[in-house]
């Protein structure tokens, strides 16, 4: 695993925001999910097992590339 991997922050803007991790490899699969309530914050990073993250619900997402709001 690369220890220099950037972190990203997800802040729930409503109750019930789903954060879903997707696996790496030839078959992309859901492997982990979290449910955040309003104002909860999750700090995460991509790893050797996680290739993508799906966010469902109103949330603020901050990365080293900028800030996104999917509301």
N, C-alpha and C. Protein backbone atom coordinates (compact mmCIF):
# COMPACT_ATOMS: atom_id res chain seq x y z
N UNK A 1 0.83 -1.18 0.00
CA UNK A 1 0.00 0.00 0.00
C UNK A 1 0.87 1.24 0.00
N UNK A 2 0.45 2.24 -0.72
CA UNK A 2 1.17 3.49 -0.81
C UNK A 2 0.83 4.36 0.39
N UNK A 3 1.81 4.68 1.23
CA UNK A 3 1.55 5.48 2.42
C UNK A 3 1.35 6.95 2.11
N UNK A 4 1.59 7.36 0.87
CA UNK A 4 1.42 8.75 0.47
C UNK A 4 0.05 9.02 -0.13
N UNK A 5 -0.87 8.08 -0.02
CA UNK A 5 -2.20 8.24 -0.59
C UNK A 5 -2.93 9.38 0.07
N UNK A 6 -3.54 10.24 -0.75
CA UNK A 6 -4.32 11.35 -0.22
C UNK A 6 -5.58 10.84 0.46
N UNK A 7 -5.97 11.56 1.47
CA UNK A 7 -7.24 11.29 2.14
C UNK A 7 -8.32 12.13 1.50
N UNK A 8 -9.57 11.70 1.65
CA UNK A 8 -10.69 12.53 1.23
C UNK A 8 -11.71 12.53 2.36
N UNK A 9 -12.49 13.59 2.41
CA UNK A 9 -13.43 13.80 3.50
C UNK A 9 -14.84 13.84 2.93
N UNK A 10 -15.76 13.16 3.59
CA UNK A 10 -17.16 13.18 3.21
C UNK A 10 -17.95 13.67 4.42
N UNK A 11 -18.68 14.78 4.25
CA UNK A 11 -19.52 15.31 5.33
C UNK A 11 -20.97 15.19 4.89
N UNK A 12 -21.77 14.48 5.69
CA UNK A 12 -23.18 14.29 5.38
C UNK A 12 -23.94 15.60 5.60
N UNK A 13 -24.74 15.99 4.62
CA UNK A 13 -25.57 17.18 4.72
C UNK A 13 -27.01 16.83 5.06
N UNK A 14 -27.29 15.53 5.17
CA UNK A 14 -28.61 15.03 5.56
C UNK A 14 -28.43 13.68 6.22
N UNK A 15 -29.43 13.20 6.92
CA UNK A 15 -29.39 11.86 7.50
C UNK A 15 -29.45 10.81 6.40
N UNK A 16 -28.76 9.69 6.63
CA UNK A 16 -28.86 8.55 5.73
C UNK A 16 -27.98 8.59 4.50
N UNK A 17 -26.88 9.34 4.52
CA UNK A 17 -25.96 9.35 3.38
C UNK A 17 -25.20 8.02 3.36
N UNK A 18 -25.21 7.35 2.22
CA UNK A 18 -24.51 6.07 2.07
C UNK A 18 -23.16 6.29 1.39
N UNK A 19 -22.12 5.70 1.98
CA UNK A 19 -20.78 5.70 1.40
C UNK A 19 -20.43 4.25 1.14
N UNK A 20 -20.18 3.92 -0.13
CA UNK A 20 -19.98 2.53 -0.53
C UNK A 20 -18.60 2.38 -1.16
N UNK A 21 -17.79 1.46 -0.64
CA UNK A 21 -16.48 1.16 -1.20
C UNK A 21 -16.58 0.07 -2.25
N UNK A 22 -15.83 0.24 -3.34
CA UNK A 22 -15.81 -0.74 -4.43
C UNK A 22 -14.40 -1.32 -4.55
N UNK A 23 -14.33 -2.61 -4.86
CA UNK A 23 -13.05 -3.32 -4.90
C UNK A 23 -12.27 -3.05 -6.18
N UNK A 24 -11.01 -3.37 -6.12
CA UNK A 24 -10.14 -3.38 -7.30
C UNK A 24 -10.20 -4.76 -7.94
N UNK A 25 -9.67 -4.87 -9.13
CA UNK A 25 -9.58 -6.18 -9.76
C UNK A 25 -10.45 -6.29 -10.99
N UNK A 26 -10.47 -7.49 -11.56
CA UNK A 26 -11.20 -7.71 -12.80
C UNK A 26 -12.71 -7.62 -12.60
N UNK A 27 -13.19 -7.94 -11.40
CA UNK A 27 -14.61 -7.83 -11.08
C UNK A 27 -14.79 -6.79 -9.98
N UNK A 28 -15.35 -5.64 -10.33
CA UNK A 28 -15.62 -4.61 -9.32
C UNK A 28 -16.84 -5.01 -8.52
N UNK A 29 -16.69 -5.02 -7.18
CA UNK A 29 -17.79 -5.43 -6.30
C UNK A 29 -17.88 -4.46 -5.14
N UNK A 30 -19.09 -4.35 -4.57
CA UNK A 30 -19.26 -3.62 -3.33
C UNK A 30 -18.61 -4.43 -2.23
N UNK A 31 -17.83 -3.79 -1.35
CA UNK A 31 -17.25 -4.58 -0.27
C UNK A 31 -17.42 -3.93 1.09
N UNK A 32 -17.82 -2.69 1.15
CA UNK A 32 -17.99 -2.04 2.44
C UNK A 32 -18.94 -0.87 2.28
N UNK A 33 -19.79 -0.65 3.27
CA UNK A 33 -20.65 0.53 3.21
C UNK A 33 -20.82 1.11 4.61
N UNK A 34 -21.04 2.39 4.64
CA UNK A 34 -21.28 3.12 5.88
C UNK A 34 -22.49 4.02 5.65
N UNK A 35 -23.22 4.27 6.71
CA UNK A 35 -24.33 5.21 6.63
C UNK A 35 -24.01 6.36 7.58
N UNK A 36 -24.04 7.57 7.06
CA UNK A 36 -23.74 8.75 7.85
C UNK A 36 -25.01 9.56 8.10
N UNK A 37 -25.12 10.12 9.29
CA UNK A 37 -26.21 11.03 9.59
C UNK A 37 -25.72 12.47 9.45
N UNK A 38 -26.65 13.40 9.40
CA UNK A 38 -26.33 14.80 9.16
C UNK A 38 -25.19 15.26 10.06
N UNK A 39 -24.24 15.95 9.44
CA UNK A 39 -23.06 16.53 10.08
C UNK A 39 -22.01 15.51 10.50
N UNK A 40 -22.23 14.22 10.25
CA UNK A 40 -21.16 13.24 10.49
C UNK A 40 -20.13 13.36 9.37
N UNK A 41 -18.89 13.09 9.72
CA UNK A 41 -17.77 13.20 8.79
C UNK A 41 -17.05 11.87 8.72
N UNK A 42 -16.71 11.46 7.51
CA UNK A 42 -15.92 10.25 7.32
C UNK A 42 -14.64 10.66 6.59
N UNK A 43 -13.51 10.21 7.10
CA UNK A 43 -12.22 10.46 6.46
C UNK A 43 -11.75 9.11 5.92
N UNK A 44 -11.42 9.08 4.63
CA UNK A 44 -11.08 7.80 3.99
C UNK A 44 -9.95 8.00 2.99
N UNK A 45 -9.48 6.89 2.43
CA UNK A 45 -8.47 6.93 1.39
C UNK A 45 -8.61 5.69 0.51
N UNK A 46 -8.10 5.79 -0.70
CA UNK A 46 -8.06 4.63 -1.58
C UNK A 46 -6.92 3.73 -1.13
N UNK A 47 -7.11 2.43 -1.24
CA UNK A 47 -6.11 1.46 -0.78
C UNK A 47 -5.87 0.42 -1.85
N UNK A 48 -5.09 -0.59 -1.52
CA UNK A 48 -4.86 -1.68 -2.46
C UNK A 48 -6.14 -2.46 -2.71
N UNK A 49 -7.15 -2.34 -1.82
CA UNK A 49 -8.42 -3.04 -1.99
C UNK A 49 -9.54 -2.15 -2.51
N UNK A 50 -9.43 -0.84 -2.29
CA UNK A 50 -10.50 0.09 -2.66
C UNK A 50 -10.10 0.88 -3.90
N UNK A 51 -10.90 0.76 -4.97
CA UNK A 51 -10.60 1.50 -6.20
C UNK A 51 -11.56 2.64 -6.46
N UNK A 52 -12.73 2.61 -5.81
CA UNK A 52 -13.72 3.66 -6.03
C UNK A 52 -14.63 3.76 -4.81
N UNK A 53 -15.24 4.92 -4.67
CA UNK A 53 -16.20 5.15 -3.59
C UNK A 53 -17.43 5.80 -4.19
N UNK A 54 -18.59 5.30 -3.81
CA UNK A 54 -19.86 5.83 -4.29
C UNK A 54 -20.54 6.50 -3.10
N UNK A 55 -21.04 7.74 -3.31
CA UNK A 55 -21.72 8.48 -2.25
C UNK A 55 -23.15 8.72 -2.70
N UNK A 56 -24.12 8.27 -1.90
CA UNK A 56 -25.54 8.49 -2.17
C UNK A 56 -26.13 9.38 -1.10
N UNK A 57 -26.77 10.45 -1.50
CA UNK A 57 -27.35 11.40 -0.57
C UNK A 57 -26.61 12.72 -0.64
N UNK A 58 -27.14 13.69 0.06
CA UNK A 58 -26.53 15.02 0.05
C UNK A 58 -25.30 15.04 0.93
N UNK A 59 -24.15 15.36 0.32
CA UNK A 59 -22.89 15.35 1.05
C UNK A 59 -21.92 16.35 0.44
N UNK A 60 -20.99 16.78 1.25
CA UNK A 60 -19.88 17.60 0.81
C UNK A 60 -18.66 16.69 0.77
N UNK A 61 -17.96 16.65 -0.36
CA UNK A 61 -16.80 15.79 -0.52
C UNK A 61 -15.59 16.67 -0.79
N UNK A 62 -14.56 16.52 0.02
CA UNK A 62 -13.34 17.32 -0.11
C UNK A 62 -12.18 16.40 -0.43
N UNK A 63 -11.44 16.76 -1.49
CA UNK A 63 -10.24 16.02 -1.88
C UNK A 63 -9.12 17.01 -2.14
N UNK A 64 -7.93 16.51 -2.40
CA UNK A 64 -6.83 17.39 -2.75
C UNK A 64 -7.05 18.06 -4.11
N UNK A 65 -8.01 17.56 -4.86
CA UNK A 65 -8.33 18.12 -6.17
C UNK A 65 -9.44 19.17 -6.11
N UNK A 66 -10.05 19.33 -4.95
CA UNK A 66 -11.11 20.32 -4.81
C UNK A 66 -12.25 19.82 -3.93
N UNK A 67 -13.31 20.59 -3.95
CA UNK A 67 -14.48 20.30 -3.13
C UNK A 67 -15.68 20.13 -4.02
N UNK A 68 -16.49 19.11 -3.73
CA UNK A 68 -17.69 18.84 -4.50
C UNK A 68 -18.87 18.73 -3.56
N UNK A 69 -20.02 19.14 -4.05
CA UNK A 69 -21.26 19.07 -3.27
C UNK A 69 -22.26 18.35 -4.16
N UNK A 70 -22.77 17.21 -3.74
CA UNK A 70 -23.68 16.46 -4.60
C UNK A 70 -25.14 16.62 -4.18
N UNK A 71 -25.47 17.80 -3.66
CA UNK A 71 -26.84 18.02 -3.21
C UNK A 71 -27.77 18.42 -4.32
